[in-house]
Amino acid sequence: MKNHHATLTSDRLQDALALLSDRQYHTSLEVANAARTTAPGSTISELRSNGVDVSCRYKGTIDGRKIFEYKLT
């Protein structure tokens, strides 16, 4: 079965990596803004599919929305 994820040469993934390169936690919104996407979880998934080790933690709920944060490990 063929993989359908972007490669690390993708501008979107490079922008997400640049954000995460400080090895600090960043919210889904921050990842979305950096990568210019409406699907930050998919961007993180694509990074992982390319061998990038990204951790995730649940920060809490704001206005009924779950907030997740990501960082390089």
C-alpha atoms as a PDB file:
ATOM      1  CA  MET A   1       0.000   0.000   0.000  1.00  0.00           C
ATOM      2  CA  LYS A   2       1.392   3.393  -1.003  1.00  0.00           C
ATOM      3  CA  ASN A   3       1.929   6.141   1.567  1.00  0.00           C
ATOM      4  CA  HIS A   4       0.066   9.354   0.861  1.00  0.00           C
ATOM      5  CA  HIS A   5       1.880  11.728   3.168  1.00  0.00           C
ATOM      6  CA  ALA A   6       4.020  14.705   2.192  1.00  0.00           C
ATOM      7  CA  THR A   7       7.799  14.415   2.296  1.00  0.00           C
ATOM      8  CA  LEU A   8      10.008  16.480   4.569  1.00  0.00           C
ATOM      9  CA  THR A   9      10.844  18.712   1.606  1.00  0.00           C
ATOM     10  CA  SER A  10       7.281  20.053   1.727  1.00  0.00           C
ATOM     11  CA  ASP A  11       7.150  23.755   2.640  1.00  0.00           C
ATOM     12  CA  ARG A  12       4.272  23.024   5.022  1.00  0.00           C
ATOM     13  CA  LEU A  13       6.215  20.365   6.912  1.00  0.00           C
ATOM     14  CA  GLN A  14       9.371  22.480   6.895  1.00  0.00           C
ATOM     15  CA  ASP A  15       7.412  25.375   8.437  1.00  0.00           C
ATOM     16  CA  ALA A  16       5.972  23.100  11.125  1.00  0.00           C
ATOM     17  CA  LEU A  17       9.456  21.727  11.862  1.00  0.00           C
ATOM     18  CA  ALA A  18      10.846  25.252  12.136  1.00  0.00           C
ATOM     19  CA  LEU A  19       8.221  26.055  14.771  1.00  0.00           C
ATOM     20  CA  LEU A  20       8.853  22.857  16.713  1.00  0.00           C
ATOM     21  CA  SER A  21      12.654  23.069  16.448  1.00  0.00           C
ATOM     22  CA  ASP A  22      12.881  24.974  19.739  1.00  0.00           C
ATOM     23  CA  ARG A  23      11.744  21.722  21.422  1.00  0.00           C
ATOM     24  CA  GLN A  24       9.080  23.601  23.399  1.00  0.00           C
ATOM     25  CA  TYR A  25       5.376  22.724  23.419  1.00  0.00           C
ATOM     26  CA  HIS A  26       3.204  24.467  20.803  1.00  0.00           C
ATOM     27  CA  THR A  27      -0.572  24.351  20.523  1.00  0.00           C
ATOM     28  CA  SER A  28      -2.480  22.996  17.555  1.00  0.00           C
ATOM     29  CA  LEU A  29      -3.327  26.576  16.627  1.00  0.00           C
ATOM     30  CA  GLU A  30       0.346  27.539  16.567  1.00  0.00           C
ATOM     31  CA  VAL A  31       1.153  24.542  14.356  1.00  0.00           C
ATOM     32  CA  ALA A  32      -1.770  25.407  12.072  1.00  0.00           C
ATOM     33  CA  ASN A  33      -0.634  29.015  11.731  1.00  0.00           C
ATOM     34  CA  ALA A  34       3.015  28.116  11.127  1.00  0.00           C
ATOM     35  CA  ALA A  35       2.176  25.463   8.534  1.00  0.00           C
ATOM     36  CA  ARG A  36      -0.699  27.438   6.984  1.00  0.00           C
ATOM     37  CA  THR A  37      -3.113  24.546   7.372  1.00  0.00           C
ATOM     38  CA  THR A  38      -6.523  23.880   8.858  1.00  0.00           C
ATOM     39  CA  ALA A  39      -5.497  20.345   9.862  1.00  0.00           C
ATOM     40  CA  PRO A  40      -2.566  20.581  12.287  1.00  0.00           C
ATOM     41  CA  GLY A  41      -3.093  17.014  13.498  1.00  0.00           C
ATOM     42  CA  SER A  42      -2.586  15.768   9.956  1.00  0.00           C
ATOM     43  CA  THR A  43       0.603  17.810   9.676  1.00  0.00           C
ATOM     44  CA  ILE A  44       1.909  16.229  12.877  1.00  0.00           C
ATOM     45  CA  SER A  45       0.925  12.798  11.549  1.00  0.00           C
ATOM     46  CA  GLU A  46       2.843  13.460   8.334  1.00  0.00           C
ATOM     47  CA  LEU A  47       5.917  14.504  10.305  1.00  0.00           C
ATOM     48  CA  ARG A  48       5.690  11.247  12.248  1.00  0.00           C
ATOM     49  CA  SER A  49       5.288   9.269   9.011  1.00  0.00           C
ATOM     50  CA  ASN A  50       8.578  10.802   7.919  1.00  0.00           C
ATOM     51  CA  GLY A  51      10.315   9.585  11.072  1.00  0.00           C
ATOM     52  CA  VAL A  52      10.113  12.790  13.115  1.00  0.00           C
ATOM     53  CA  ASP A  53       9.509  12.069  16.810  1.00  0.00           C
ATOM     54  CA  VAL A  54       6.749  14.422  17.997  1.00  0.00           C
ATOM     55  CA  SER A  55       5.138  14.110  21.406  1.00  0.00           C
ATOM     56  CA  CYS A  56       1.646  15.278  22.247  1.00  0.00           C
ATOM     57  CA  ARG A  57       0.012  16.301  25.489  1.00  0.00           C
ATOM     58  CA  TYR A  58      -3.493  17.339  26.413  1.00  0.00           C
ATOM     59  CA  LYS A  59      -3.491  20.833  27.913  1.00  0.00           C
ATOM     60  CA  GLY A  60      -7.171  21.143  28.816  1.00  0.00           C
ATOM     61  CA  THR A  61     -10.451  22.457  27.485  1.00  0.00           C
ATOM     62  CA  ILE A  62     -11.235  26.048  26.539  1.00  0.00           C
ATOM     63  CA  ASP A  63     -14.776  26.990  25.527  1.00  0.00           C
ATOM     64  CA  GLY A  64     -15.609  23.309  25.044  1.00  0.00           C
ATOM     65  CA  ARG A  65     -12.624  22.655  22.745  1.00  0.00           C
ATOM     66  CA  LYS A  66      -9.822  20.285  23.660  1.00  0.00           C
ATOM     67  CA  ILE A  67      -6.380  21.878  23.490  1.00  0.00           C
ATOM     68  CA  PHE A  68      -3.387  19.743  22.523  1.00  0.00           C
ATOM     69  CA  GLU A  69       0.269  20.706  22.427  1.00  0.00           C
ATOM     70  CA  TYR A  70       3.115  19.191  20.410  1.00  0.00           C
ATOM     71  CA  LYS A  71       6.896  19.228  20.636  1.00  0.00           C
ATOM     72  CA  LEU A  72       9.894  17.497  19.127  1.00  0.00           C
ATOM     73  CA  THR A  73      11.347  14.823  21.392  1.00  0.00           C
END
